[in-house]
Amino acid sequence: MRLKSPTNIIDGRLPVQRELPAEKQQRELHPAAVEAVTRYSQVWDENDRLVQENQRLRNDNEMLQRLDKEKTALINDLRQQIIDLQHRAEERLTRSETYHRERLAEADKSKERYLRYAVSINERLRACIDQIHAAHNLALEMAQKKPQQLEEQIDVTVEQLKKPG
């Protein structure tokens, strides 16, 4: 059995294990001493294993912190992209809504113009209908009167039309 013994800790460094000289290894040790040395050696082996595991955990922790920073940056970038996308979509929606509102306003104006035009045509048609109806009635009256009376009536009407006011 090879025994290892630690050196003194200097400057906060971990102890370095040295092998005992061969002549000291040859001597018989008391069983309690062998057990103590074995336990001491196991403690140092366990300490070495724990130091290595601690270093591995530190490396893992640093890697996880870098990964967390990258994920946070990626999430922030995605959030910003979503916000920008929403702003652009709102702007497009606003432009589209404005365009359609303007088109509706133009259609309403055209509709009003058409209705005014239709009303004016309707009024003209009614006036024409009234004039045609009056002309028809006059033609019926003229058909029943004698030509002499008609000439006199036409002359009177022409005179009335020539008078101002």
C-alpha atoms as a PDB file:
ATOM      1  CA  MET A   1       0.000   0.000   0.000  1.00  0.00           C
ATOM      2  CA  ARG A   2       1.385   3.359  -1.019  1.00  0.00           C
ATOM      3  CA  LEU A   3       0.680   6.135   1.403  1.00  0.00           C
ATOM      4  CA  LYS A   4       0.373   9.722   0.445  1.00  0.00           C
ATOM      5  CA  SER A   5       0.851  12.629   2.764  1.00  0.00           C
ATOM      6  CA  PRO A   6      -0.133  16.230   2.171  1.00  0.00           C
ATOM      7  CA  THR A   7       2.280  19.105   2.325  1.00  0.00           C
ATOM      8  CA  ASN A   8       1.496  22.265   4.196  1.00  0.00           C
ATOM      9  CA  ILE A   9      -0.818  24.716   2.484  1.00  0.00           C
ATOM     10  CA  ILE A  10       1.213  27.721   1.357  1.00  0.00           C
ATOM     11  CA  ASP A  11      -0.179  30.900  -0.195  1.00  0.00           C
ATOM     12  CA  GLY A  12      -3.695  29.478  -0.315  1.00  0.00           C
ATOM     13  CA  ARG A  13      -2.753  26.771  -2.812  1.00  0.00           C
ATOM     14  CA  LEU A  14      -4.068  23.269  -2.557  1.00  0.00           C
ATOM     15  CA  PRO A  15      -1.780  20.826  -0.858  1.00  0.00           C
ATOM     16  CA  VAL A  16       0.412  18.699  -3.071  1.00  0.00           C
ATOM     17  CA  GLN A  17       0.605  15.029  -2.270  1.00  0.00           C
ATOM     18  CA  ARG A  18       3.972  13.353  -2.027  1.00  0.00           C
ATOM     19  CA  GLU A  19       4.794   9.742  -1.789  1.00  0.00           C
ATOM     20  CA  LEU A  20       6.476   8.621   1.380  1.00  0.00           C
ATOM     21  CA  PRO A  21      10.024   7.344   1.114  1.00  0.00           C
ATOM     22  CA  ALA A  22      10.317   3.591   0.491  1.00  0.00           C
ATOM     23  CA  GLU A  23      12.012   2.872   3.844  1.00  0.00           C
ATOM     24  CA  LYS A  24       9.069   4.360   5.753  1.00  0.00           C
ATOM     25  CA  GLN A  25       6.656   2.270   3.709  1.00  0.00           C
ATOM     26  CA  GLN A  26       8.410  -0.935   4.764  1.00  0.00           C
ATOM     27  CA  ARG A  27       7.735  -0.543   8.460  1.00  0.00           C
ATOM     28  CA  GLU A  28       4.695  -2.070  10.071  1.00  0.00           C
ATOM     29  CA  LEU A  29       2.234   0.433  11.336  1.00  0.00           C
ATOM     30  CA  HIS A  30      -0.262   0.046  14.039  1.00  0.00           C
ATOM     31  CA  PRO A  31      -3.702  -0.898  12.594  1.00  0.00           C
ATOM     32  CA  ALA A  32      -5.263   2.312  13.949  1.00  0.00           C
ATOM     33  CA  ALA A  33      -2.475   4.318  12.299  1.00  0.00           C
ATOM     34  CA  VAL A  34      -2.982   2.478   9.022  1.00  0.00           C
ATOM     35  CA  GLU A  35      -6.707   3.143   9.286  1.00  0.00           C
ATOM     36  CA  ALA A  36      -6.087   6.845  10.046  1.00  0.00           C
ATOM     37  CA  VAL A  37      -3.618   7.180   7.157  1.00  0.00           C
ATOM     38  CA  THR A  38      -6.059   5.370   4.848  1.00  0.00           C
ATOM     39  CA  ARG A  39      -8.920   7.602   5.951  1.00  0.00           C
ATOM     40  CA  TYR A  40      -6.681  10.659   5.570  1.00  0.00           C
ATOM     41  CA  SER A  41      -5.737   9.543   2.049  1.00  0.00           C
ATOM     42  CA  GLN A  42      -9.411   8.926   1.206  1.00  0.00           C
ATOM     43  CA  VAL A  43     -10.269  12.411   2.453  1.00  0.00           C
ATOM     44  CA  TRP A  44      -7.615  13.910   0.183  1.00  0.00           C
ATOM     45  CA  ASP A  45      -8.804  11.809  -2.757  1.00  0.00           C
ATOM     46  CA  GLU A  46     -12.375  12.884  -2.063  1.00  0.00           C
ATOM     47  CA  ASN A  47     -11.171  16.492  -1.809  1.00  0.00           C
ATOM     48  CA  ASP A  48      -9.443  16.196  -5.211  1.00  0.00           C
ATOM     49  CA  ARG A  49     -12.575  14.691  -6.700  1.00  0.00           C
ATOM     50  CA  LEU A  50     -14.676  17.494  -5.165  1.00  0.00           C
ATOM     51  CA  VAL A  51     -12.255  20.143  -6.493  1.00  0.00           C
ATOM     52  CA  GLN A  52     -12.578  18.675  -9.990  1.00  0.00           C
ATOM     53  CA  GLU A  53     -16.355  18.449  -9.688  1.00  0.00           C
ATOM     54  CA  ASN A  54     -16.449  22.031  -8.372  1.00  0.00           C
ATOM     55  CA  GLN A  55     -14.414  23.192 -11.373  1.00  0.00           C
ATOM     56  CA  ARG A  56     -16.711  21.276 -13.739  1.00  0.00           C
ATOM     57  CA  LEU A  57     -19.758  22.853 -12.062  1.00  0.00           C
ATOM     58  CA  ARG A  58     -18.181  26.306 -12.343  1.00  0.00           C
ATOM     59  CA  ASN A  59     -17.579  25.732 -16.052  1.00  0.00           C
ATOM     60  CA  ASP A  60     -21.136  24.472 -16.461  1.00  0.00           C
ATOM     61  CA  ASN A  61     -22.443  27.485 -14.540  1.00  0.00           C
ATOM     62  CA  GLU A  62     -20.457  29.909 -16.719  1.00  0.00           C
ATOM     63  CA  MET A  63     -21.689  28.156 -19.848  1.00  0.00           C
ATOM     64  CA  LEU A  64     -25.289  28.300 -18.578  1.00  0.00           C
ATOM     65  CA  GLN A  65     -24.902  32.001 -17.750  1.00  0.00           C
ATOM     66  CA  ARG A  66     -23.632  32.680 -21.291  1.00  0.00           C
ATOM     67  CA  LEU A  67     -26.487  30.611 -22.682  1.00  0.00           C
ATOM     68  CA  ASP A  68     -28.944  32.529 -20.503  1.00  0.00           C
ATOM     69  CA  LYS A  69     -27.548  35.848 -21.777  1.00  0.00           C
ATOM     70  CA  GLU A  70     -27.848  34.640 -25.375  1.00  0.00           C
ATOM     71  CA  LYS A  71     -31.421  33.458 -24.800  1.00  0.00           C
ATOM     72  CA  THR A  72     -32.313  36.730 -23.106  1.00  0.00           C
ATOM     73  CA  ALA A  73     -30.832  38.688 -26.015  1.00  0.00           C
ATOM     74  CA  LEU A  74     -32.687  36.480 -28.494  1.00  0.00           C
ATOM     75  CA  ILE A  75     -35.974  36.893 -26.608  1.00  0.00           C
ATOM     76  CA  ASN A  76     -35.493  40.661 -26.439  1.00  0.00           C
ATOM     77  CA  ASP A  77     -34.720  40.730 -30.167  1.00  0.00           C
ATOM     78  CA  LEU A  78     -37.852  38.701 -30.927  1.00  0.00           C
ATOM     79  CA  ARG A  79     -39.947  40.983 -28.721  1.00  0.00           C
ATOM     80  CA  GLN A  80     -38.592  44.024 -30.526  1.00  0.00           C
ATOM     81  CA  GLN A  81     -39.316  42.410 -33.884  1.00  0.00           C
ATOM     82  CA  ILE A  82     -42.888  41.673 -32.771  1.00  0.00           C
ATOM     83  CA  ILE A  83     -43.350  45.261 -31.580  1.00  0.00           C
ATOM     84  CA  ASP A  84     -41.967  46.604 -34.874  1.00  0.00           C
ATOM     85  CA  LEU A  85     -44.182  44.226 -36.822  1.00  0.00           C
ATOM     86  CA  GLN A  86     -47.229  45.335 -34.852  1.00  0.00           C
ATOM     87  CA  HIS A  87     -46.407  49.007 -35.490  1.00  0.00           C
ATOM     88  CA  ARG A  88     -46.011  48.375 -39.217  1.00  0.00           C
ATOM     89  CA  ALA A  89     -49.267  46.396 -39.300  1.00  0.00           C
ATOM     90  CA  GLU A  90     -51.079  49.196 -37.455  1.00  0.00           C
ATOM     91  CA  GLU A  91     -49.668  51.767 -39.898  1.00  0.00           C
ATOM     92  CA  ARG A  92     -50.774  49.674 -42.879  1.00  0.00           C
ATOM     93  CA  LEU A  93     -54.203  49.197 -41.311  1.00  0.00           C
ATOM     94  CA  THR A  94     -54.486  52.932 -40.658  1.00  0.00           C
ATOM     95  CA  ARG A  95     -53.484  53.734 -44.250  1.00  0.00           C
ATOM     96  CA  SER A  96     -55.940  51.183 -45.601  1.00  0.00           C
ATOM     97  CA  GLU A  97     -58.705  52.454 -43.349  1.00  0.00           C
ATOM     98  CA  THR A  98     -58.013  56.054 -44.396  1.00  0.00           C
ATOM     99  CA  TYR A  99     -58.043  55.061 -48.064  1.00  0.00           C
ATOM    100  CA  HIS A 100     -61.375  53.274 -47.741  1.00  0.00           C
ATOM    101  CA  ARG A 101     -62.904  56.107 -45.724  1.00  0.00           C
ATOM    102  CA  GLU A 102     -61.853  58.553 -48.437  1.00  0.00           C
ATOM    103  CA  ARG A 103     -63.334  56.280 -51.096  1.00  0.00           C
ATOM    104  CA  LEU A 104     -66.596  56.092 -49.112  1.00  0.00           C
ATOM    105  CA  ALA A 105     -66.642  59.882 -48.779  1.00  0.00           C
ATOM    106  CA  GLU A 106     -66.110  60.230 -52.547  1.00  0.00           C
ATOM    107  CA  ALA A 107     -68.882  57.700 -53.188  1.00  0.00           C
ATOM    108  CA  ASP A 108     -71.225  59.644 -50.884  1.00  0.00           C
ATOM    109  CA  LYS A 109     -70.407  62.877 -52.706  1.00  0.00           C
ATOM    110  CA  SER A 110     -71.024  61.197 -56.075  1.00  0.00           C
ATOM    111  CA  LYS A 111     -74.280  59.787 -54.762  1.00  0.00           C
ATOM    112  CA  GLU A 112     -75.406  63.262 -53.629  1.00  0.00           C
ATOM    113  CA  ARG A 113     -74.505  64.727 -57.038  1.00  0.00           C
ATOM    114  CA  TYR A 114     -76.391  61.939 -58.786  1.00  0.00           C
ATOM    115  CA  LEU A 115     -79.436  62.444 -56.552  1.00  0.00           C
ATOM    116  CA  ARG A 116     -79.403  66.205 -57.220  1.00  0.00           C
ATOM    117  CA  TYR A 117     -79.096  65.518 -60.936  1.00  0.00           C
ATOM    118  CA  ALA A 118     -81.913  62.957 -60.784  1.00  0.00           C
ATOM    119  CA  VAL A 119     -84.132  65.388 -58.864  1.00  0.00           C
ATOM    120  CA  SER A 120     -83.453  68.177 -61.380  1.00  0.00           C
ATOM    121  CA  ILE A 121     -84.229  65.801 -64.280  1.00  0.00           C
ATOM    122  CA  ASN A 122     -87.396  64.725 -62.489  1.00  0.00           C
ATOM    123  CA  GLU A 123     -88.459  68.369 -62.013  1.00  0.00           C
ATOM    124  CA  ARG A 124     -87.746  69.136 -65.672  1.00  0.00           C
ATOM    125  CA  LEU A 125     -89.701  66.073 -66.756  1.00  0.00           C
ATOM    126  CA  ARG A 126     -92.652  67.085 -64.595  1.00  0.00           C
ATOM    127  CA  ALA A 127     -92.549  70.591 -66.050  1.00  0.00           C
ATOM    128  CA  CYS A 128     -92.398  69.124 -69.542  1.00  0.00           C
ATOM    129  CA  ILE A 129     -95.237  66.752 -68.727  1.00  0.00           C
ATOM    130  CA  ASP A 130     -97.292  69.678 -67.436  1.00  0.00           C
ATOM    131  CA  GLN A 131     -96.507  71.662 -70.597  1.00  0.00           C
ATOM    132  CA  ILE A 132     -97.344  68.676 -72.808  1.00  0.00           C
ATOM    133  CA  HIS A 133    -100.564  68.138 -70.874  1.00  0.00           C
ATOM    134  CA  ALA A 134    -101.453  71.827 -71.257  1.00  0.00           C
ATOM    135  CA  ALA A 135    -100.588  71.676 -74.970  1.00  0.00           C
ATOM    136  CA  HIS A 136    -102.743  68.576 -75.330  1.00  0.00           C
ATOM    137  CA  ASN A 137    -105.686  70.263 -73.617  1.00  0.00           C
ATOM    138  CA  LEU A 138    -105.170  73.335 -75.765  1.00  0.00           C
ATOM    139  CA  ALA A 139    -105.060  71.176 -78.887  1.00  0.00           C
ATOM    140  CA  LEU A 140    -108.349  69.551 -77.865  1.00  0.00           C
ATOM    141  CA  GLU A 141    -109.932  72.970 -77.305  1.00  0.00           C
ATOM    142  CA  MET A 142    -108.579  74.195 -80.597  1.00  0.00           C
ATOM    143  CA  ALA A 143    -110.039  71.212 -82.376  1.00  0.00           C
ATOM    144  CA  GLN A 144    -113.472  72.191 -81.119  1.00  0.00           C
ATOM    145  CA  LYS A 145    -113.240  75.907 -81.979  1.00  0.00           C
ATOM    146  CA  LYS A 146    -113.572  77.612 -85.323  1.00  0.00           C
ATOM    147  CA  PRO A 147    -110.445  78.801 -87.152  1.00  0.00           C
ATOM    148  CA  GLN A 148    -111.445  82.500 -86.770  1.00  0.00           C
ATOM    149  CA  GLN A 149    -111.658  82.201 -82.994  1.00  0.00           C
ATOM    150  CA  LEU A 150    -108.324  80.394 -82.909  1.00  0.00           C
ATOM    151  CA  GLU A 151    -106.523  83.144 -84.762  1.00  0.00           C
ATOM    152  CA  GLU A 152    -107.893  85.753 -82.364  1.00  0.00           C
ATOM    153  CA  GLN A 153    -106.913  83.686 -79.349  1.00  0.00           C
ATOM    154  CA  ILE A 154    -103.358  83.178 -80.723  1.00  0.00           C
ATOM    155  CA  ASP A 155    -102.992  86.905 -81.344  1.00  0.00           C
ATOM    156  CA  VAL A 156    -104.099  87.698 -77.787  1.00  0.00           C
ATOM    157  CA  THR A 157    -101.683  85.175 -76.345  1.00  0.00           C
ATOM    158  CA  VAL A 158     -98.781  86.499 -78.446  1.00  0.00           C
ATOM    159  CA  GLU A 159     -99.553  90.040 -77.284  1.00  0.00           C
ATOM    160  CA  GLN A 160     -99.563  88.905 -73.650  1.00  0.00           C
ATOM    161  CA  LEU A 161     -96.205  87.245 -74.112  1.00  0.00           C
ATOM    162  CA  LYS A 162     -94.707  90.360 -75.687  1.00  0.00           C
ATOM    163  CA  LYS A 163     -95.708  92.561 -72.747  1.00  0.00           C
ATOM    164  CA  PRO A 164     -92.936  92.884 -70.162  1.00  0.00           C
ATOM    165  CA  GLY A 165     -93.611  91.765 -66.619  1.00  0.00           C
END
